[in-house]
C-alpha cells in the first residue's frame, strides 16, 4: 500500500512539473510572438498590400499587358490607396485626371518610379 502511494505521489509531482513547464513555454511563446509582430511593423499601423504587388497590378492594368476589367481597375485604386503614400496617391489622382496623352505617360513613369522606390525602402 505504501509503495502505491509513493508511485501515485511521484506521478502527481511529475504531472504538476510538466504542466508548469508547459505554462511557462506558452507564456514565453506569446511574449516572443508579440515582440516579433512589433519588430515586423514597429509603427503599429496595419500592413497593407506590398508595393511590389501594386506595381505588378499597375503595369498589368494601366499598360494592358493582360485583359482588364473595371473590377481590376477598382482593385488597383484600392491597393494604391492602401499603400498610404500621399505622393503616390497624388500622382495616381493626377494620372486619372489627365486629359493629355503625354501628361498621362509622364504620370505613369512617375508612379512606377515611386512604387520602385517604395519597394527598396
C-alpha atoms as a PDB file:
ATOM      1  CA  UNK A   1       0.000   0.000   0.000  1.00  0.00           C
ATOM      2  CA  UNK A   2       2.835   2.351   0.868  1.00  0.00           C
ATOM      3  CA  UNK A   3       4.598   1.788  -2.477  1.00  0.00           C
ATOM      4  CA  UNK A   4       1.368   2.547  -4.406  1.00  0.00           C
ATOM      5  CA  UNK A   5       1.068   5.828  -2.508  1.00  0.00           C
ATOM      6  CA  UNK A   6       4.687   6.743  -3.326  1.00  0.00           C
ATOM      7  CA  UNK A   7       4.178   5.874  -7.022  1.00  0.00           C
ATOM      8  CA  UNK A   8       0.999   7.983  -7.252  1.00  0.00           C
ATOM      9  CA  UNK A   9       2.667  10.831  -5.352  1.00  0.00           C
ATOM     10  CA  UNK A  10       5.648  10.907  -7.757  1.00  0.00           C
ATOM     11  CA  UNK A  11       3.336  10.676 -10.774  1.00  0.00           C
ATOM     12  CA  UNK A  12       1.326  13.649  -9.496  1.00  0.00           C
ATOM     13  CA  UNK A  13       4.527  15.646  -8.862  1.00  0.00           C
ATOM     14  CA  UNK A  14       5.834  14.879 -12.370  1.00  0.00           C
ATOM     15  CA  UNK A  15       2.475  15.873 -13.920  1.00  0.00           C
ATOM     16  CA  UNK A  16       2.472  19.169 -11.988  1.00  0.00           C
ATOM     17  CA  UNK A  17       6.041  19.929 -13.069  1.00  0.00           C
ATOM     18  CA  UNK A  18       5.164  19.212 -16.709  1.00  0.00           C
ATOM     19  CA  UNK A  19       2.064  21.415 -16.506  1.00  0.00           C
ATOM     20  CA  UNK A  20       4.165  24.202 -15.023  1.00  0.00           C
ATOM     21  CA  UNK A  21       6.741  23.885 -17.794  1.00  0.00           C
ATOM     22  CA  UNK A  22       4.014  23.905 -20.452  1.00  0.00           C
ATOM     23  CA  UNK A  23       2.543  27.082 -18.943  1.00  0.00           C
ATOM     24  CA  UNK A  24       5.974  28.718 -18.857  1.00  0.00           C
ATOM     25  CA  UNK A  25       6.672  27.820 -22.505  1.00  0.00           C
ATOM     26  CA  UNK A  26       3.239  29.099 -23.573  1.00  0.00           C
ATOM     27  CA  UNK A  27       3.814  32.441 -21.831  1.00  0.00           C
ATOM     28  CA  UNK A  28       7.247  32.756 -23.466  1.00  0.00           C
ATOM     29  CA  UNK A  29       5.783  31.904 -26.880  1.00  0.00           C
ATOM     30  CA  UNK A  30       3.086  34.576 -26.603  1.00  0.00           C
ATOM     31  CA  UNK A  31       5.628  37.139 -25.458  1.00  0.00           C
ATOM     32  CA  UNK A  32       8.075  36.396 -28.275  1.00  0.00           C
ATOM     33  CA  UNK A  33       5.251  36.354 -30.834  1.00  0.00           C
ATOM     34  CA  UNK A  34       4.133  39.846 -29.769  1.00  0.00           C
ATOM     35  CA  UNK A  35       7.719  41.059 -29.939  1.00  0.00           C
ATOM     36  CA  UNK A  36       8.140  39.610 -33.417  1.00  0.00           C
ATOM     37  CA  UNK A  37       4.983  41.328 -34.666  1.00  0.00           C
ATOM     38  CA  UNK A  38       6.218  44.618 -33.205  1.00  0.00           C
ATOM     39  CA  UNK A  39       9.572  44.201 -34.969  1.00  0.00           C
ATOM     40  CA  UNK A  40       7.876  43.462 -38.284  1.00  0.00           C
ATOM     41  CA  UNK A  41       5.691  46.558 -38.001  1.00  0.00           C
ATOM     42  CA  UNK A  42       7.119  48.989 -35.417  1.00  0.00           C
ATOM     43  CA  UNK A  43       4.712  51.806 -36.286  1.00  0.00           C
ATOM     44  CA  UNK A  44       1.730  49.785 -35.114  1.00  0.00           C
ATOM     45  CA  UNK A  45      -0.106  50.602 -38.342  1.00  0.00           C
ATOM     46  CA  UNK A  46      -1.821  47.885 -40.287  1.00  0.00           C
ATOM     47  CA  UNK A  47       0.279  46.429 -43.044  1.00  0.00           C
ATOM     48  CA  UNK A  48      -1.455  46.650 -46.414  1.00  0.00           C
ATOM     49  CA  UNK A  49      -0.613  45.468 -49.859  1.00  0.00           C
ATOM     50  CA  UNK A  50       3.124  45.326 -50.664  1.00  0.00           C
ATOM     51  CA  UNK A  51       4.392  47.852 -53.187  1.00  0.00           C
ATOM     52  CA  UNK A  52       5.653  45.054 -55.444  1.00  0.00           C
ATOM     53  CA  UNK A  53       2.120  43.680 -55.797  1.00  0.00           C
ATOM     54  CA  UNK A  54       0.748  47.144 -56.575  1.00  0.00           C
ATOM     55  CA  UNK A  55       3.489  47.728 -59.148  1.00  0.00           C
ATOM     56  CA  UNK A  56       2.690  44.448 -60.898  1.00  0.00           C
ATOM     57  CA  UNK A  57      -1.045  45.224 -60.920  1.00  0.00           C
ATOM     58  CA  UNK A  58      -0.340  48.764 -62.114  1.00  0.00           C
ATOM     59  CA  UNK A  59       1.712  47.521 -65.026  1.00  0.00           C
ATOM     60  CA  UNK A  60      -0.889  44.894 -65.919  1.00  0.00           C
ATOM     61  CA  UNK A  61      -3.895  47.205 -65.704  1.00  0.00           C
ATOM     62  CA  UNK A  62      -2.522  50.509 -66.966  1.00  0.00           C
ATOM     63  CA  UNK A  63      -0.225  49.178 -69.661  1.00  0.00           C
ATOM     64  CA  UNK A  64      -2.770  46.485 -70.613  1.00  0.00           C
ATOM     65  CA  UNK A  65      -0.386  43.547 -70.604  1.00  0.00           C
ATOM     66  CA  UNK A  66      -3.469  41.455 -69.939  1.00  0.00           C
ATOM     67  CA  UNK A  67      -7.186  41.969 -70.477  1.00  0.00           C
ATOM     68  CA  UNK A  68      -8.538  44.187 -67.704  1.00  0.00           C
ATOM     69  CA  UNK A  69     -11.981  44.659 -66.262  1.00  0.00           C
ATOM     70  CA  UNK A  70     -13.462  47.548 -64.292  1.00  0.00           C
ATOM     71  CA  UNK A  71     -13.022  45.381 -61.184  1.00  0.00           C
ATOM     72  CA  UNK A  72      -9.275  45.201 -61.888  1.00  0.00           C
ATOM     73  CA  UNK A  73      -9.090  48.971 -62.009  1.00  0.00           C
ATOM     74  CA  UNK A  74     -11.098  49.350 -58.810  1.00  0.00           C
ATOM     75  CA  UNK A  75      -8.831  46.856 -57.045  1.00  0.00           C
ATOM     76  CA  UNK A  76      -5.740  48.700 -58.301  1.00  0.00           C
ATOM     77  CA  UNK A  77      -7.034  52.009 -56.985  1.00  0.00           C
ATOM     78  CA  UNK A  78      -7.912  50.416 -53.655  1.00  0.00           C
ATOM     79  CA  UNK A  79      -4.449  48.868 -53.377  1.00  0.00           C
ATOM     80  CA  UNK A  80      -2.776  52.171 -54.242  1.00  0.00           C
ATOM     81  CA  UNK A  81      -4.761  53.891 -51.505  1.00  0.00           C
ATOM     82  CA  UNK A  82      -3.889  51.114 -49.026  1.00  0.00           C
ATOM     83  CA  UNK A  83      -0.207  51.882 -49.515  1.00  0.00           C
ATOM     84  CA  UNK A  84      -0.910  55.114 -47.680  1.00  0.00           C
ATOM     85  CA  UNK A  85       1.793  57.020 -49.555  1.00  0.00           C
ATOM     86  CA  UNK A  86       0.447  60.531 -50.179  1.00  0.00           C
ATOM     87  CA  UNK A  87       2.807  61.205 -53.065  1.00  0.00           C
ATOM     88  CA  UNK A  88       1.786  58.030 -54.910  1.00  0.00           C
ATOM     89  CA  UNK A  89      -1.911  58.783 -54.297  1.00  0.00           C
ATOM     90  CA  UNK A  90      -1.460  62.357 -55.570  1.00  0.00           C
ATOM     91  CA  UNK A  91       0.278  61.125 -58.729  1.00  0.00           C
ATOM     92  CA  UNK A  92      -2.445  58.494 -59.211  1.00  0.00           C
ATOM     93  CA  UNK A  93      -5.174  61.144 -58.972  1.00  0.00           C
ATOM     94  CA  UNK A  94      -3.252  63.381 -61.373  1.00  0.00           C
ATOM     95  CA  UNK A  95      -2.941  60.426 -63.761  1.00  0.00           C
ATOM     96  CA  UNK A  96      -6.691  59.796 -63.603  1.00  0.00           C
ATOM     97  CA  UNK A  97      -7.461  63.483 -64.155  1.00  0.00           C
ATOM     98  CA  UNK A  98      -5.038  63.938 -67.048  1.00  0.00           C
ATOM     99  CA  UNK A  99      -6.590  64.627 -70.427  1.00  0.00           C
ATOM    100  CA  UNK A 100      -3.390  64.696 -72.481  1.00  0.00           C
ATOM    101  CA  UNK A 101      -1.576  61.504 -73.503  1.00  0.00           C
ATOM    102  CA  UNK A 102       1.878  62.970 -72.816  1.00  0.00           C
ATOM    103  CA  UNK A 103       0.860  64.021 -69.320  1.00  0.00           C
ATOM    104  CA  UNK A 104      -0.636  60.577 -68.694  1.00  0.00           C
ATOM    105  CA  UNK A 105       2.559  58.908 -69.830  1.00  0.00           C
ATOM    106  CA  UNK A 106       4.649  61.158 -67.593  1.00  0.00           C
ATOM    107  CA  UNK A 107       2.403  60.305 -64.627  1.00  0.00           C
ATOM    108  CA  UNK A 108       2.712  56.580 -65.352  1.00  0.00           C
ATOM    109  CA  UNK A 109       6.501  56.862 -65.350  1.00  0.00           C
ATOM    110  CA  UNK A 110       6.399  58.866 -62.115  1.00  0.00           C
ATOM    111  CA  UNK A 111       4.098  56.329 -60.407  1.00  0.00           C
ATOM    112  CA  UNK A 112       6.312  53.419 -61.498  1.00  0.00           C
ATOM    113  CA  UNK A 113       9.357  55.222 -60.099  1.00  0.00           C
ATOM    114  CA  UNK A 114       7.615  55.939 -56.796  1.00  0.00           C
ATOM    115  CA  UNK A 115       6.489  52.320 -56.455  1.00  0.00           C
ATOM    116  CA  UNK A 116      10.025  51.109 -57.169  1.00  0.00           C
ATOM    117  CA  UNK A 117      11.379  53.492 -54.539  1.00  0.00           C
ATOM    118  CA  UNK A 118       8.831  52.236 -52.042  1.00  0.00           C
ATOM    119  CA  UNK A 119       9.860  48.638 -52.752  1.00  0.00           C
ATOM    120  CA  UNK A 120      13.503  49.375 -51.936  1.00  0.00           C
ATOM    121  CA  UNK A 121      12.696  51.015 -48.603  1.00  0.00           C
END
